[in-house]
Amino acid sequence: MSTMKPLLTACLCVFVAAAVLQAQEPPKGRPERVERKTEAKAPAPERRSTRAEKWSGTAPAKQGAPAKQGAPAERAGRSANAAPSKETRRETTSRQSSKEREAAPKSTRERRVDKADKWTRTSSTKRQPNQQRVRELGSNPEQGGRLSIAEGLGGARYEQSVGYRISRSKEQGADFVDPKVGPISLKGPLVNRQGAPFVTKESIDGLGRSVVNDVRSNTYTKRVVVDTAGLSAAQRAELKRSIDRQLQTSSSNKSKEIVYLD
């Protein structure tokens, strides 16, 4: 026991000394913390992209959002293939409509039948005239108010072609009075007393001679209206050629206009 005490004392001293040394040394593997003061940077203001940049694909991407690959090219293609504006469509439509009007043929009212005779033209009427108006215009004052279905039909169809009303003439030598032209003569249509078409070769020839005689000798009227209702296209063309041929072979009244009602 006497020999064990010094040995225990020595071991205890060594242990205490080792503990003191271990407490004074810094721990291994743990670097000292160095606090660095960093100045906080103010966040950059987010720039708003314009509408043009959005459509062209040049607008900057938002912070924190991944940029989409191929988006600028896709938007650029969409902008190139975008529909034209209203102003562009309006200008294109106006150009097309003006070209169509220039290329469109003239109406039958403006079309000249004979290019050599500027006083001849054709007017087309498709609607059936009003029967009450036919009876009003068919009352002939030269014959004491006697009803003429042919004159009533021709006068009513002429009103349809010009778009305004005419009146019966009270002067001998004229059938009607056009408020814009003056006294006019009516030849045709070729119908019977009931108003049904009555077309023969003799009646067509007689109609042509009546027109030529009126142009040559009647100086009171300013216009001759020829109603060709009931005639076929070939008969109508032959009638016009016959009238023009007869008027060209003689000195006639070239100041009188001839209007054909188809």
Protein backbone atom coordinates (compact mmCIF):
# COMPACT_ATOMS: atom_id res chain seq x y z
CA MET A 1 0.00 0.00 0.00
CA SER A 2 2.88 2.34 0.81
CA THR A 3 4.32 1.78 -2.67
CA MET A 4 0.97 2.24 -4.48
CA LYS A 5 0.22 5.73 -3.15
CA PRO A 6 3.15 7.51 -4.83
CA LEU A 7 2.29 5.76 -8.10
CA LEU A 8 -1.34 6.82 -7.96
CA THR A 9 -0.33 10.35 -7.07
CA ALA A 10 2.00 10.54 -10.07
CA CYS A 11 -0.69 9.21 -12.42
CA LEU A 12 -3.21 11.71 -11.11
CA CYS A 13 -0.76 14.59 -11.67
CA VAL A 14 -0.12 13.46 -15.25
CA PHE A 15 -3.84 13.23 -15.95
CA VAL A 16 -4.51 16.68 -14.51
CA ALA A 17 -1.65 18.21 -16.54
CA ALA A 18 -2.94 16.61 -19.74
CA ALA A 19 -6.43 17.93 -19.08
CA VAL A 20 -5.09 21.45 -18.53
CA LEU A 21 -3.08 21.40 -21.77
CA GLN A 22 -6.03 20.05 -23.72
CA ALA A 23 -8.25 22.83 -22.34
CA GLN A 24 -5.75 25.56 -23.42
CA GLU A 25 -5.29 24.32 -27.04
CA PRO A 26 -7.97 25.34 -29.66
CA PRO A 27 -10.15 22.55 -30.96
CA LYS A 28 -8.86 20.89 -34.13
CA GLY A 29 -10.96 20.98 -37.41
CA ARG A 30 -13.06 23.96 -36.41
CA PRO A 31 -11.83 27.22 -37.99
CA GLU A 32 -12.48 30.42 -36.20
CA ARG A 33 -15.55 32.24 -37.29
CA VAL A 34 -14.85 35.58 -38.92
CA GLU A 35 -17.83 37.77 -39.20
CA ARG A 36 -17.68 39.94 -42.28
CA LYS A 37 -19.92 42.85 -42.58
CA THR A 38 -21.40 43.02 -46.06
CA GLU A 39 -23.27 46.00 -47.29
CA ALA A 40 -26.78 45.14 -48.47
CA LYS A 41 -27.26 46.08 -52.09
CA ALA A 42 -30.54 47.63 -53.12
CA PRO A 43 -32.46 45.46 -55.64
CA ALA A 44 -32.42 46.75 -59.22
CA PRO A 45 -35.75 48.21 -60.38
CA GLU A 46 -37.65 45.92 -62.69
CA ARG A 47 -37.97 47.45 -66.17
CA ARG A 48 -41.37 47.12 -67.81
CA SER A 49 -41.24 45.87 -71.35
CA THR A 50 -43.13 47.77 -74.01
CA ARG A 51 -45.90 46.22 -76.14
CA ALA A 52 -43.67 46.26 -79.22
CA GLU A 53 -40.95 44.33 -77.34
CA LYS A 54 -43.49 41.77 -76.19
CA TRP A 55 -44.70 41.08 -79.75
CA SER A 56 -41.20 41.12 -81.26
CA GLY A 57 -39.75 38.88 -78.53
CA THR A 58 -37.11 41.40 -77.35
CA ALA A 59 -38.65 42.03 -73.93
CA PRO A 60 -36.27 41.13 -71.05
CA ALA A 61 -37.15 38.09 -68.97
CA LYS A 62 -38.38 38.63 -65.44
CA GLN A 63 -35.91 38.11 -62.64
CA GLY A 64 -36.06 34.63 -61.25
CA ALA A 65 -38.04 33.23 -64.18
CA PRO A 66 -36.25 30.96 -66.67
CA ALA A 67 -36.13 32.27 -70.21
CA LYS A 68 -38.09 30.23 -72.75
CA GLN A 69 -36.05 28.93 -75.62
CA GLY A 70 -37.40 29.76 -79.07
CA ALA A 71 -39.93 32.32 -77.78
CA PRO A 72 -38.36 35.36 -79.55
CA ALA A 73 -38.27 33.57 -82.90
CA GLU A 74 -41.83 32.35 -82.50
CA ARG A 75 -43.08 35.81 -81.61
CA ALA A 76 -41.17 37.38 -84.47
CA GLY A 77 -42.79 34.94 -86.90
CA ARG A 78 -46.21 35.66 -85.43
CA SER A 79 -45.61 39.40 -85.88
CA ALA A 80 -44.52 38.94 -89.49
CA ASN A 81 -47.60 36.84 -90.30
CA ALA A 82 -50.03 38.99 -88.33
CA ALA A 83 -53.30 40.05 -89.97
CA PRO A 84 -53.30 43.49 -91.65
CA SER A 85 -54.77 46.42 -89.79
CA LYS A 86 -58.23 47.88 -90.47
CA GLU A 87 -56.72 50.79 -92.42
CA THR A 88 -54.79 48.39 -94.68
CA ARG A 89 -57.87 46.23 -95.31
CA ARG A 90 -59.97 49.33 -96.04
CA GLU A 91 -57.43 50.65 -98.59
CA THR A 92 -57.16 47.24 -100.25
CA THR A 93 -60.96 46.93 -100.46
CA SER A 94 -61.33 50.43 -101.93
CA ARG A 95 -58.68 49.66 -104.56
CA GLN A 96 -60.37 46.39 -105.49
CA SER A 97 -63.82 48.01 -105.69
CA SER A 98 -62.51 50.83 -107.91
CA LYS A 99 -60.82 48.30 -110.21
CA GLU A 100 -64.02 46.25 -110.39
CA ARG A 101 -66.03 49.35 -111.27
CA GLU A 102 -63.58 50.23 -114.02
CA ALA A 103 -63.59 46.68 -115.37
CA ALA A 104 -67.37 46.23 -115.09
CA PRO A 105 -69.34 46.69 -118.33
CA LYS A 106 -71.62 49.65 -118.72
CA SER A 107 -75.29 49.26 -117.94
CA THR A 108 -77.83 48.82 -120.69
CA ARG A 109 -78.98 52.38 -120.20
CA GLU A 110 -75.47 53.72 -120.92
CA ARG A 111 -74.61 51.22 -123.66
CA ARG A 112 -74.89 52.66 -127.15
CA VAL A 113 -76.52 50.45 -129.75
CA ASP A 114 -74.87 52.13 -132.70
CA LYS A 115 -71.45 53.66 -132.06
CA ALA A 116 -71.82 55.89 -135.12
CA ASP A 117 -75.10 57.32 -133.84
CA LYS A 118 -74.68 58.83 -130.35
CA TRP A 119 -78.43 59.50 -130.09
CA THR A 120 -79.37 55.81 -129.86
CA ARG A 121 -79.38 53.88 -126.59
CA THR A 122 -81.09 50.95 -124.89
CA SER A 123 -82.91 50.76 -121.56
CA SER A 124 -83.93 47.53 -119.84
CA THR A 125 -87.13 46.96 -117.85
CA LYS A 126 -87.80 43.61 -116.17
CA ARG A 127 -90.68 44.28 -113.78
CA GLN A 128 -94.32 44.10 -114.73
CA PRO A 129 -95.89 47.59 -114.79
CA ASN A 130 -98.69 48.53 -112.44
CA GLN A 131 -102.07 47.97 -114.08
CA GLN A 132 -103.60 51.09 -112.56
CA ARG A 133 -100.73 53.13 -113.97
CA VAL A 134 -101.18 51.42 -117.35
CA ARG A 135 -104.83 52.53 -117.50
CA GLU A 136 -103.94 56.08 -116.46
CA LEU A 137 -101.26 56.45 -119.14
CA GLY A 138 -103.38 54.57 -121.71
CA SER A 139 -106.11 57.22 -121.75
CA ASN A 140 -105.58 59.07 -125.04
CA PRO A 141 -106.82 62.69 -124.92
CA GLU A 142 -106.55 62.99 -128.72
CA GLN A 143 -109.23 60.33 -129.01
CA GLY A 144 -111.50 61.66 -126.30
CA GLY A 145 -109.95 59.64 -123.48
CA ARG A 146 -110.13 56.33 -125.30
CA LEU A 147 -108.11 53.60 -123.61
CA SER A 148 -105.08 52.27 -125.52
CA ILE A 149 -103.47 49.29 -123.77
CA ALA A 150 -100.35 49.49 -125.98
CA GLU A 151 -99.69 53.13 -125.12
CA GLY A 152 -100.42 52.51 -121.43
CA LEU A 153 -97.96 49.59 -121.31
CA GLY A 154 -95.28 51.51 -123.17
CA GLY A 155 -95.66 54.59 -120.98
CA ALA A 156 -95.56 52.59 -117.75
CA ARG A 157 -92.48 50.66 -118.89
CA TYR A 158 -90.77 53.90 -119.84
CA GLU A 159 -91.42 55.26 -116.35
CA GLN A 160 -89.75 52.16 -114.91
CA SER A 161 -86.68 52.69 -117.09
CA VAL A 162 -86.15 56.38 -116.22
CA GLY A 163 -87.24 56.13 -112.57
CA TYR A 164 -89.72 59.01 -112.49
CA ARG A 165 -93.25 59.84 -113.68
CA ILE A 166 -94.29 61.19 -117.05
CA SER A 167 -97.62 62.61 -118.20
CA ARG A 168 -99.85 62.36 -121.26
CA SER A 169 -99.32 65.05 -123.86
CA LYS A 170 -102.24 67.33 -124.66
CA GLU A 171 -100.61 68.54 -127.87
CA GLN A 172 -100.99 66.76 -131.17
CA GLY A 173 -97.82 65.09 -132.41
CA ALA A 174 -96.59 63.80 -129.02
CA ASP A 175 -97.69 60.91 -126.88
CA PHE A 176 -96.14 61.82 -123.53
CA VAL A 177 -94.22 64.61 -121.84
CA ASP A 178 -90.98 63.75 -120.05
CA PRO A 179 -90.28 66.46 -117.41
CA LYS A 180 -86.53 66.21 -118.10
CA VAL A 181 -86.60 65.81 -121.89
CA GLY A 182 -89.81 67.34 -123.17
CA PRO A 183 -92.41 65.88 -125.56
CA ILE A 184 -91.67 62.30 -126.65
CA SER A 185 -93.10 59.80 -129.12
CA LEU A 186 -93.90 56.16 -128.30
CA LYS A 187 -93.63 53.33 -130.83
CA GLY A 188 -94.76 49.89 -129.72
CA PRO A 189 -95.17 47.57 -127.98
CA LEU A 190 -96.58 45.01 -130.39
CA VAL A 191 -99.64 43.81 -128.45
CA ASN A 192 -103.31 43.25 -129.18
CA ARG A 193 -106.22 45.05 -127.54
CA GLN A 194 -106.02 42.80 -124.48
CA GLY A 195 -102.31 43.50 -124.00
CA ALA A 196 -101.07 40.08 -125.18
CA PRO A 197 -97.97 40.04 -127.45
CA PHE A 198 -98.76 40.04 -131.15
CA VAL A 199 -95.44 39.75 -132.99
CA THR A 200 -95.14 38.96 -136.70
CA LYS A 201 -92.60 39.83 -139.38
CA GLU A 202 -95.03 42.36 -140.87
CA SER A 203 -95.65 44.04 -137.52
CA ILE A 204 -91.91 44.28 -136.85
CA ASP A 205 -91.31 45.87 -140.25
CA GLY A 206 -94.19 48.28 -139.65
CA LEU A 207 -92.72 49.24 -136.27
CA GLY A 208 -89.38 50.03 -137.89
CA ARG A 209 -90.98 52.21 -140.60
CA SER A 210 -92.98 54.11 -137.97
CA VAL A 211 -89.80 54.92 -136.03
CA VAL A 212 -87.98 56.11 -139.16
CA ASN A 213 -90.91 58.32 -140.21
CA ASP A 214 -91.12 59.93 -136.78
CA VAL A 215 -87.39 60.71 -136.74
CA ARG A 216 -87.53 62.15 -140.24
CA SER A 217 -90.70 64.24 -140.09
CA ASN A 218 -91.79 64.87 -136.49
CA THR A 219 -89.91 67.95 -135.32
CA TYR A 220 -92.06 68.51 -132.23
CA THR A 221 -90.88 65.57 -130.13
CA LYS A 222 -87.35 65.36 -128.70
CA ARG A 223 -87.15 61.60 -128.25
CA VAL A 224 -88.57 58.43 -129.79
CA VAL A 225 -89.21 55.55 -127.38
CA VAL A 226 -89.34 52.14 -129.07
CA ASP A 227 -90.87 49.43 -126.86
CA THR A 228 -89.64 46.01 -128.07
CA ALA A 229 -91.53 43.93 -125.50
CA GLY A 230 -92.34 40.46 -126.82
CA LEU A 231 -89.50 40.41 -129.37
CA SER A 232 -86.71 37.88 -129.20
CA ALA A 233 -83.08 38.96 -129.05
CA ALA A 234 -82.60 38.19 -132.74
CA GLN A 235 -85.76 40.08 -133.74
CA ARG A 236 -84.75 43.04 -131.60
CA ALA A 237 -81.28 43.17 -133.14
CA GLU A 238 -82.69 42.95 -136.67
CA LEU A 239 -85.14 45.79 -135.92
CA LYS A 240 -82.33 48.04 -134.73
CA ARG A 241 -80.17 47.29 -137.76
CA SER A 242 -83.08 48.01 -140.09
CA ILE A 243 -83.81 51.37 -138.44
CA ASP A 244 -80.14 52.41 -138.44
CA ARG A 245 -79.73 51.39 -142.08
CA GLN A 246 -82.73 53.44 -143.18
CA LEU A 247 -81.67 56.51 -141.20
CA GLN A 248 -78.11 56.43 -142.56
CA THR A 249 -79.29 56.43 -146.17
CA SER A 250 -81.26 59.67 -145.79
CA SER A 251 -80.89 63.08 -144.23
CA SER A 252 -82.81 62.63 -140.98
CA ASN A 253 -83.20 64.56 -137.75
CA LYS A 254 -80.00 63.54 -135.91
CA SER A 255 -80.89 65.67 -132.88
CA LYS A 256 -83.68 63.28 -131.90
CA GLU A 257 -82.72 60.46 -129.54
CA ILE A 258 -83.99 56.91 -129.97
CA VAL A 259 -84.48 54.89 -126.79
CA TYR A 260 -85.15 51.14 -127.00
CA LEU A 261 -87.00 49.41 -124.18
CA ASP A 262 -85.98 45.75 -123.98
